[in-house]
Amino acid sequence: MFLLDDIILAPVKGVAWLAQQIQKETNRQLFDSQIIKARLAELQEQLDSDLISEAEFRKAEEKLLERLQAARQREQAQKSSAKP
């Protein structure tokens, strides 16, 4: 009976595993301060090359700085919860 359950539930377990992997990668990209800093540098390069306007730069920069702040708060919370 357990083998049949495993066979029937395999697709559901596979989708659940895939969803977890997608969530992990999304969180990594959203909250990894190194990725955010690299994006800020790219944004500055775009402004310097006149690929984006000052207004576009400020808008994108504000969002990235908010993400960076959230990432740092998240890192601090993880460090705090890891300490005994």
PDB file of N, CA and C in Angstrom:
ATOM      1  N   MET A   1       0.816  -1.189   0.000  1.00  0.00           N
ATOM      2  CA  MET A   1       0.000   0.000   0.000  1.00  0.00           C
ATOM      3  C   MET A   1       0.865   1.259   0.000  1.00  0.00           C
ATOM      4  N   PHE A   2       1.962   1.249   0.749  1.00  0.00           N
ATOM      5  CA  PHE A   2       2.822   2.428   0.809  1.00  0.00           C
ATOM      6  C   PHE A   2       3.485   2.699  -0.535  1.00  0.00           C
ATOM      7  N   LEU A   3       3.839   1.651  -1.259  1.00  0.00           N
ATOM      8  CA  LEU A   3       4.443   1.819  -2.569  1.00  0.00           C
ATOM      9  C   LEU A   3       3.464   2.495  -3.512  1.00  0.00           C
ATOM     10  N   LEU A   4       2.217   2.097  -3.453  1.00  0.00           N
ATOM     11  CA  LEU A   4       1.193   2.713  -4.293  1.00  0.00           C
ATOM     12  C   LEU A   4       1.004   4.185  -3.921  1.00  0.00           C
ATOM     13  N   ASP A   5       1.008   4.470  -2.627  1.00  0.00           N
ATOM     14  CA  ASP A   5       0.902   5.859  -2.171  1.00  0.00           C
ATOM     15  C   ASP A   5       2.074   6.688  -2.691  1.00  0.00           C
ATOM     16  N   ASP A   6       3.273   6.128  -2.613  1.00  0.00           N
ATOM     17  CA  ASP A   6       4.457   6.833  -3.095  1.00  0.00           C
ATOM     18  C   ASP A   6       4.361   7.116  -4.591  1.00  0.00           C
ATOM     19  N   ILE A   7       3.873   6.163  -5.336  1.00  0.00           N
ATOM     20  CA  ILE A   7       3.744   6.339  -6.785  1.00  0.00           C
ATOM     21  C   ILE A   7       2.702   7.406  -7.108  1.00  0.00           C
ATOM     22  N   ILE A   8       1.600   7.365  -6.406  1.00  0.00           N
ATOM     23  CA  ILE A   8       0.528   8.328  -6.659  1.00  0.00           C
ATOM     24  C   ILE A   8       0.940   9.736  -6.233  1.00  0.00           C
ATOM     25  N   LEU A   9       1.640   9.838  -5.128  1.00  0.00           N
ATOM     26  CA  LEU A   9       2.001  11.155  -4.594  1.00  0.00           C
ATOM     27  C   LEU A   9       3.299  11.723  -5.168  1.00  0.00           C
ATOM     28  N   ALA A  10       4.026  10.950  -5.945  1.00  0.00           N
ATOM     29  CA  ALA A  10       5.305  11.410  -6.484  1.00  0.00           C
ATOM     30  C   ALA A  10       5.186  12.727  -7.260  1.00  0.00           C
ATOM     31  N   PRO A  11       4.207  12.860  -8.153  1.00  0.00           N
ATOM     32  CA  PRO A  11       4.108  14.152  -8.866  1.00  0.00           C
ATOM     33  C   PRO A  11       3.841  15.332  -7.927  1.00  0.00           C
ATOM     34  N   VAL A  12       3.022  15.114  -6.915  1.00  0.00           N
ATOM     35  CA  VAL A  12       2.717  16.183  -5.961  1.00  0.00           C
ATOM     36  C   VAL A  12       3.968  16.540  -5.171  1.00  0.00           C
ATOM     37  N   LYS A  13       4.701  15.544  -4.730  1.00  0.00           N
ATOM     38  CA  LYS A  13       5.938  15.798  -3.989  1.00  0.00           C
ATOM     39  C   LYS A  13       6.965  16.504  -4.865  1.00  0.00           C
ATOM     40  N   GLY A  14       7.010  16.135  -6.135  1.00  0.00           N
ATOM     41  CA  GLY A  14       7.937  16.776  -7.067  1.00  0.00           C
ATOM     42  C   GLY A  14       7.607  18.246  -7.264  1.00  0.00           C
ATOM     43  N   VAL A  15       6.336  18.555  -7.405  1.00  0.00           N
ATOM     44  CA  VAL A  15       5.914  19.953  -7.567  1.00  0.00           C
ATOM     45  C   VAL A  15       6.194  20.739  -6.291  1.00  0.00           C
ATOM     46  N   ALA A  16       5.944  20.136  -5.141  1.00  0.00           N
ATOM     47  CA  ALA A  16       6.210  20.813  -3.872  1.00  0.00           C
ATOM     48  C   ALA A  16       7.704  21.090  -3.723  1.00  0.00           C
ATOM     49  N   TRP A  17       8.540  20.132  -4.078  1.00  0.00           N
ATOM     50  CA  TRP A  17       9.990  20.319  -4.002  1.00  0.00           C
ATOM     51  C   TRP A  17      10.425  21.445  -4.945  1.00  0.00           C
ATOM     52  N   LEU A  18       9.882  21.439  -6.160  1.00  0.00           N
ATOM     53  CA  LEU A  18      10.221  22.472  -7.131  1.00  0.00           C
ATOM     54  C   LEU A  18       9.804  23.853  -6.618  1.00  0.00           C
ATOM     55  N   ALA A  19       8.634  23.944  -6.019  1.00  0.00           N
ATOM     56  CA  ALA A  19       8.164  25.219  -5.461  1.00  0.00           C
ATOM     57  C   ALA A  19       9.107  25.699  -4.357  1.00  0.00           C
ATOM     58  N   GLN A  20       9.587  24.792  -3.525  1.00  0.00           N
ATOM     59  CA  GLN A  20      10.529  25.172  -2.465  1.00  0.00           C
ATOM     60  C   GLN A  20      11.833  25.693  -3.064  1.00  0.00           C
ATOM     61  N   GLN A  21      12.318  25.046  -4.111  1.00  0.00           N
ATOM     62  CA  GLN A  21      13.562  25.470  -4.744  1.00  0.00           C
ATOM     63  C   GLN A  21      13.411  26.855  -5.376  1.00  0.00           C
ATOM     64  N   ILE A  22      12.273  27.085  -5.999  1.00  0.00           N
ATOM     65  CA  ILE A  22      12.010  28.394  -6.606  1.00  0.00           C
ATOM     66  C   ILE A  22      11.941  29.464  -5.523  1.00  0.00           C
ATOM     67  N   GLN A  23      11.285  29.148  -4.425  1.00  0.00           N
ATOM     68  CA  GLN A  23      11.181  30.106  -3.319  1.00  0.00           C
ATOM     69  C   GLN A  23      12.557  30.418  -2.732  1.00  0.00           C
ATOM     70  N   LYS A  24      13.392  29.399  -2.557  1.00  0.00           N
ATOM     71  CA  LYS A  24      14.741  29.621  -2.029  1.00  0.00           C
ATOM     72  C   LYS A  24      15.549  30.534  -2.940  1.00  0.00           C
ATOM     73  N   GLU A  25      15.498  30.271  -4.244  1.00  0.00           N
ATOM     74  CA  GLU A  25      16.266  31.080  -5.196  1.00  0.00           C
ATOM     75  C   GLU A  25      15.725  32.502  -5.261  1.00  0.00           C
ATOM     76  N   THR A  26      14.420  32.647  -5.222  1.00  0.00           N
ATOM     77  CA  THR A  26      13.807  33.983  -5.229  1.00  0.00           C
ATOM     78  C   THR A  26      14.249  34.764  -4.001  1.00  0.00           C
ATOM     79  N   ASN A  27      14.187  34.143  -2.848  1.00  0.00           N
ATOM     80  CA  ASN A  27      14.624  34.808  -1.618  1.00  0.00           C
ATOM     81  C   ASN A  27      16.107  35.152  -1.667  1.00  0.00           C
ATOM     82  N   ARG A  28      16.892  34.257  -2.221  1.00  0.00           N
ATOM     83  CA  ARG A  28      18.328  34.524  -2.329  1.00  0.00           C
ATOM     84  C   ARG A  28      18.569  35.763  -3.190  1.00  0.00           C
ATOM     85  N   GLN A  29      17.880  35.845  -4.319  1.00  0.00           N
ATOM     86  CA  GLN A  29      18.089  36.984  -5.204  1.00  0.00           C
ATOM     87  C   GLN A  29      17.510  38.273  -4.630  1.00  0.00           C
ATOM     88  N   LEU A  30      16.417  38.165  -3.906  1.00  0.00           N
ATOM     89  CA  LEU A  30      15.810  39.357  -3.323  1.00  0.00           C
ATOM     90  C   LEU A  30      16.582  39.880  -2.125  1.00  0.00           C
ATOM     91  N   PHE A  31      17.161  38.968  -1.341  1.00  0.00           N
ATOM     92  CA  PHE A  31      17.748  39.363  -0.068  1.00  0.00           C
ATOM     93  C   PHE A  31      19.254  39.167   0.035  1.00  0.00           C
ATOM     94  N   ASP A  32      19.919  38.848  -1.050  1.00  0.00           N
ATOM     95  CA  ASP A  32      21.373  38.711  -1.030  1.00  0.00           C
ATOM     96  C   ASP A  32      21.985  40.092  -1.240  1.00  0.00           C
ATOM     97  N   SER A  33      22.641  40.605  -0.219  1.00  0.00           N
ATOM     98  CA  SER A  33      23.158  41.973  -0.288  1.00  0.00           C
ATOM     99  C   SER A  33      24.199  42.142  -1.402  1.00  0.00           C
ATOM    100  N   GLN A  34      24.950  41.103  -1.711  1.00  0.00           N
ATOM    101  CA  GLN A  34      25.944  41.199  -2.782  1.00  0.00           C
ATOM    102  C   GLN A  34      25.267  41.380  -4.143  1.00  0.00           C
ATOM    103  N   ILE A  35      24.168  40.677  -4.358  1.00  0.00           N
ATOM    104  CA  ILE A  35      23.422  40.818  -5.613  1.00  0.00           C
ATOM    105  C   ILE A  35      22.827  42.214  -5.717  1.00  0.00           C
ATOM    106  N   ILE A  36      22.300  42.710  -4.618  1.00  0.00           N
ATOM    107  CA  ILE A  36      21.700  44.040  -4.613  1.00  0.00           C
ATOM    108  C   ILE A  36      22.778  45.107  -4.872  1.00  0.00           C
ATOM    109  N   LYS A  37      23.931  44.954  -4.248  1.00  0.00           N
ATOM    110  CA  LYS A  37      25.030  45.911  -4.465  1.00  0.00           C
ATOM    111  C   LYS A  37      25.494  45.883  -5.921  1.00  0.00           C
ATOM    112  N   ALA A  38      25.551  44.697  -6.505  1.00  0.00           N
ATOM    113  CA  ALA A  38      25.942  44.586  -7.910  1.00  0.00           C
ATOM    114  C   ALA A  38      24.910  45.276  -8.803  1.00  0.00           C
ATOM    115  N   ARG A  39      23.652  45.118  -8.466  1.00  0.00           N
ATOM    116  CA  ARG A  39      22.593  45.779  -9.240  1.00  0.00           C
ATOM    117  C   ARG A  39      22.687  47.298  -9.096  1.00  0.00           C
ATOM    118  N   LEU A  40      23.030  47.780  -7.907  1.00  0.00           N
ATOM    119  CA  LEU A  40      23.228  49.220  -7.717  1.00  0.00           C
ATOM    120  C   LEU A  40      24.383  49.734  -8.586  1.00  0.00           C
ATOM    121  N   ALA A  41      25.447  48.962  -8.662  1.00  0.00           N
ATOM    122  CA  ALA A  41      26.589  49.347  -9.499  1.00  0.00           C
ATOM    123  C   ALA A  41      26.190  49.376 -10.977  1.00  0.00           C
ATOM    124  N   GLU A  42      25.426  48.380 -11.410  1.00  0.00           N
ATOM    125  CA  GLU A  42      24.945  48.348 -12.796  1.00  0.00           C
ATOM    126  C   GLU A  42      24.076  49.563 -13.086  1.00  0.00           C
ATOM    127  N   LEU A  43      23.244  49.895 -12.134  1.00  0.00           N
ATOM    128  CA  LEU A  43      22.356  51.040 -12.280  1.00  0.00           C
ATOM    129  C   LEU A  43      23.160  52.329 -12.436  1.00  0.00           C
ATOM    130  N   GLN A  44      24.201  52.471 -11.635  1.00  0.00           N
ATOM    131  CA  GLN A  44      25.071  53.650 -11.731  1.00  0.00           C
ATOM    132  C   GLN A  44      25.741  53.720 -13.096  1.00  0.00           C
ATOM    133  N   GLU A  45      26.187  52.572 -13.597  1.00  0.00           N
ATOM    134  CA  GLU A  45      26.813  52.525 -14.921  1.00  0.00           C
ATOM    135  C   GLU A  45      25.827  52.946 -16.006  1.00  0.00           C
ATOM    136  N   GLN A  46      24.578  52.505 -15.855  1.00  0.00           N
ATOM    137  CA  GLN A  46      23.555  52.889 -16.837  1.00  0.00           C
ATOM    138  C   GLN A  46      23.318  54.393 -16.816  1.00  0.00           C
ATOM    139  N   LEU A  47      23.317  54.963 -15.627  1.00  0.00           N
ATOM    140  CA  LEU A  47      23.142  56.414 -15.514  1.00  0.00           C
ATOM    141  C   LEU A  47      24.340  57.138 -16.134  1.00  0.00           C
ATOM    142  N   ASP A  48      25.532  56.687 -15.816  1.00  0.00           N
ATOM    143  CA  ASP A  48      26.742  57.309 -16.342  1.00  0.00           C
ATOM    144  C   ASP A  48      26.820  57.222 -17.867  1.00  0.00           C
ATOM    145  N   SER A  49      26.248  56.169 -18.431  1.00  0.00           N
ATOM    146  CA  SER A  49      26.257  55.971 -19.885  1.00  0.00           C
ATOM    147  C   SER A  49      25.045  56.604 -20.560  1.00  0.00           C
ATOM    148  N   ASP A  50      24.260  57.311 -19.787  1.00  0.00           N
ATOM    149  CA  ASP A  50      23.035  57.955 -20.288  1.00  0.00           C
ATOM    150  C   ASP A  50      22.037  56.963 -20.875  1.00  0.00           C
ATOM    151  N   LEU A  51      22.037  55.749 -20.344  1.00  0.00           N
ATOM    152  CA  LEU A  51      21.058  54.759 -20.780  1.00  0.00           C
ATOM    153  C   LEU A  51      19.731  54.922 -20.040  1.00  0.00           C
ATOM    154  N   ILE A  52      19.792  55.544 -18.868  1.00  0.00           N
ATOM    155  CA  ILE A  52      18.589  55.837 -18.094  1.00  0.00           C
ATOM    156  C   ILE A  52      18.651  57.289 -17.622  1.00  0.00           C
ATOM    157  N   SER A  53      17.480  57.828 -17.341  1.00  0.00           N
ATOM    158  CA  SER A  53      17.420  59.214 -16.867  1.00  0.00           C
ATOM    159  C   SER A  53      17.692  59.267 -15.364  1.00  0.00           C
ATOM    160  N   GLU A  54      17.902  60.463 -14.887  1.00  0.00           N
ATOM    161  CA  GLU A  54      18.120  60.670 -13.450  1.00  0.00           C
ATOM    162  C   GLU A  54      16.892  60.209 -12.655  1.00  0.00           C
ATOM    163  N   ALA A  55      15.706  60.497 -13.183  1.00  0.00           N
ATOM    164  CA  ALA A  55      14.471  60.104 -12.502  1.00  0.00           C
ATOM    165  C   ALA A  55      14.349  58.577 -12.415  1.00  0.00           C
ATOM    166  N   GLU A  56      14.676  57.892 -13.513  1.00  0.00           N
ATOM    167  CA  GLU A  56      14.642  56.428 -13.515  1.00  0.00           C
ATOM    168  C   GLU A  56      15.660  55.869 -12.531  1.00  0.00           C
ATOM    169  N   PHE A  57      16.824  56.493 -12.518  1.00  0.00           N
ATOM    170  CA  PHE A  57      17.868  56.065 -11.599  1.00  0.00           C
ATOM    171  C   PHE A  57      17.407  56.199 -10.153  1.00  0.00           C
ATOM    172  N   ARG A  58      16.869  57.353  -9.800  1.00  0.00           N
ATOM    173  CA  ARG A  58      16.431  57.587  -8.418  1.00  0.00           C
ATOM    174  C   ARG A  58      15.347  56.604  -8.000  1.00  0.00           C
ATOM    175  N   LYS A  59      14.419  56.351  -8.882  1.00  0.00           N
ATOM    176  CA  LYS A  59      13.321  55.431  -8.577  1.00  0.00           C
ATOM    177  C   LYS A  59      13.852  54.007  -8.336  1.00  0.00           C
ATOM    178  N   ALA A  60      14.705  53.531  -9.245  1.00  0.00           N
ATOM    179  CA  ALA A  60      15.271  52.187  -9.110  1.00  0.00           C
ATOM    180  C   ALA A  60      16.210  52.107  -7.910  1.00  0.00           C
ATOM    181  N   GLU A  61      16.988  53.161  -7.697  1.00  0.00           N
ATOM    182  CA  GLU A  61      17.923  53.182  -6.577  1.00  0.00           C
ATOM    183  C   GLU A  61      17.167  53.093  -5.247  1.00  0.00           C
ATOM    184  N   GLU A  62      16.079  53.819  -5.145  1.00  0.00           N
ATOM    185  CA  GLU A  62      15.292  53.802  -3.911  1.00  0.00           C
ATOM    186  C   GLU A  62      14.783  52.394  -3.599  1.00  0.00           C
ATOM    187  N   LYS A  63      14.281  51.723  -4.616  1.00  0.00           N
ATOM    188  CA  LYS A  63      13.786  50.350  -4.420  1.00  0.00           C
ATOM    189  C   LYS A  63      14.919  49.416  -4.002  1.00  0.00           C
ATOM    190  N   LEU A  64      16.072  49.558  -4.658  1.00  0.00           N
ATOM    191  CA  LEU A  64      17.205  48.692  -4.328  1.00  0.00           C
ATOM    192  C   LEU A  64      17.734  48.965  -2.921  1.00  0.00           C
ATOM    193  N   LEU A  65      17.759  50.225  -2.527  1.00  0.00           N
ATOM    194  CA  LEU A  65      18.225  50.548  -1.175  1.00  0.00           C
ATOM    195  C   LEU A  65      17.256  50.014  -0.117  1.00  0.00           C
ATOM    196  N   GLU A  66      15.971  50.033  -0.424  1.00  0.00           N
ATOM    197  CA  GLU A  66      14.993  49.443   0.497  1.00  0.00           C
ATOM    198  C   GLU A  66      15.222  47.936   0.616  1.00  0.00           C
ATOM    199  N   ARG A  67      15.481  47.285  -0.526  1.00  0.00           N
ATOM    200  CA  ARG A  67      15.770  45.845  -0.498  1.00  0.00           C
ATOM    201  C   ARG A  67      17.041  45.548   0.275  1.00  0.00           C
ATOM    202  N   LEU A  68      18.045  46.408   0.106  1.00  0.00           N
ATOM    203  CA  LEU A  68      19.313  46.222   0.818  1.00  0.00           C
ATOM    204  C   LEU A  68      19.104  46.352   2.319  1.00  0.00           C
ATOM    205  N   GLN A  69      18.324  47.323   2.718  1.00  0.00           N
ATOM    206  CA  GLN A  69      18.024  47.490   4.140  1.00  0.00           C
ATOM    207  C   GLN A  69      17.273  46.270   4.678  1.00  0.00           C
ATOM    208  N   ALA A  70      16.298  45.787   3.920  1.00  0.00           N
ATOM    209  CA  ALA A  70      15.549  44.592   4.335  1.00  0.00           C
ATOM    210  C   ALA A  70      16.469  43.378   4.406  1.00  0.00           C
ATOM    211  N   ALA A  71      17.394  43.280   3.467  1.00  0.00           N
ATOM    212  CA  ALA A  71      18.337  42.161   3.461  1.00  0.00           C
ATOM    213  C   ALA A  71      19.221  42.189   4.697  1.00  0.00           C
ATOM    214  N   ARG A  72      19.688  43.381   5.042  1.00  0.00           N
ATOM    215  CA  ARG A  72      20.546  43.506   6.228  1.00  0.00           C
ATOM    216  C   ARG A  72      19.772  43.187   7.504  1.00  0.00           C
ATOM    217  N   GLN A  73      18.524  43.648   7.579  1.00  0.00           N
ATOM    218  CA  GLN A  73      17.697  43.333   8.747  1.00  0.00           C
ATOM    219  C   GLN A  73      17.452  41.829   8.843  1.00  0.00           C
ATOM    220  N   ARG A  74      17.225  41.220   7.695  1.00  0.00           N
ATOM    221  CA  ARG A  74      17.002  39.773   7.661  1.00  0.00           C
ATOM    222  C   ARG A  74      18.255  39.017   8.113  1.00  0.00           C
ATOM    223  N   GLU A  75      19.426  39.470   7.648  1.00  0.00           N
ATOM    224  CA  GLU A  75      20.687  38.844   8.052  1.00  0.00           C
ATOM    225  C   GLU A  75      20.893  38.973   9.555  1.00  0.00           C
ATOM    226  N   GLN A  76      20.595  40.151  10.096  1.00  0.00           N
ATOM    227  CA  GLN A  76      20.740  40.364  11.539  1.00  0.00           C
ATOM    228  C   GLN A  76      19.779  39.447  12.313  1.00  0.00           C
ATOM    229  N   ALA A  77      18.562  39.326  11.837  1.00  0.00           N
ATOM    230  CA  ALA A  77      17.582  38.473  12.509  1.00  0.00           C
ATOM    231  C   ALA A  77      18.024  37.018  12.473  1.00  0.00           C
ATOM    232  N   GLN A  78      18.594  36.580  11.359  1.00  0.00           N
ATOM    233  CA  GLN A  78      19.076  35.213  11.260  1.00  0.00           C
ATOM    234  C   GLN A  78      20.256  34.978  12.186  1.00  0.00           C
ATOM    235  N   LYS A  79      21.129  35.961  12.308  1.00  0.00           N
ATOM    236  CA  LYS A  79      22.275  35.838  13.213  1.00  0.00           C
ATOM    237  C   LYS A  79      21.803  35.796  14.654  1.00  0.00           C
ATOM    238  N   SER A  80      20.830  36.613  14.976  1.00  0.00           N
ATOM    239  CA  SER A  80      20.291  36.670  16.349  1.00  0.00           C
ATOM    240  C   SER A  80      19.610  35.360  16.725  1.00  0.00           C
ATOM    241  N   SER A  81      18.862  34.790  15.782  1.00  0.00           N
ATOM    242  CA  SER A  81      18.150  33.553  16.079  1.00  0.00           C
ATOM    243  C   SER A  81      19.098  32.350  16.122  1.00  0.00           C
ATOM    244  N   ALA A  82      20.252  32.480  15.482  1.00  0.00           N
ATOM    245  CA  ALA A  82      21.235  31.379  15.480  1.00  0.00           C
ATOM    246  C   ALA A  82      22.029  31.320  16.775  1.00  0.00           C
ATOM    247  N   LYS A  83      22.115  32.452  17.481  1.00  0.00           N
ATOM    248  CA  LYS A  83      22.864  32.482  18.742  1.00  0.00           C
ATOM    249  C   LYS A  83      22.046  31.827  19.844  1.00  0.00           C
ATOM    250  N   PRO A  84      22.700  31.000  20.683  1.00  0.00           N
ATOM    251  CA  PRO A  84      21.972  30.330  21.776  1.00  0.00           C
ATOM    252  C   PRO A  84      21.622  31.255  22.901  1.00  0.00           C
TER     253      PRO A  84
END
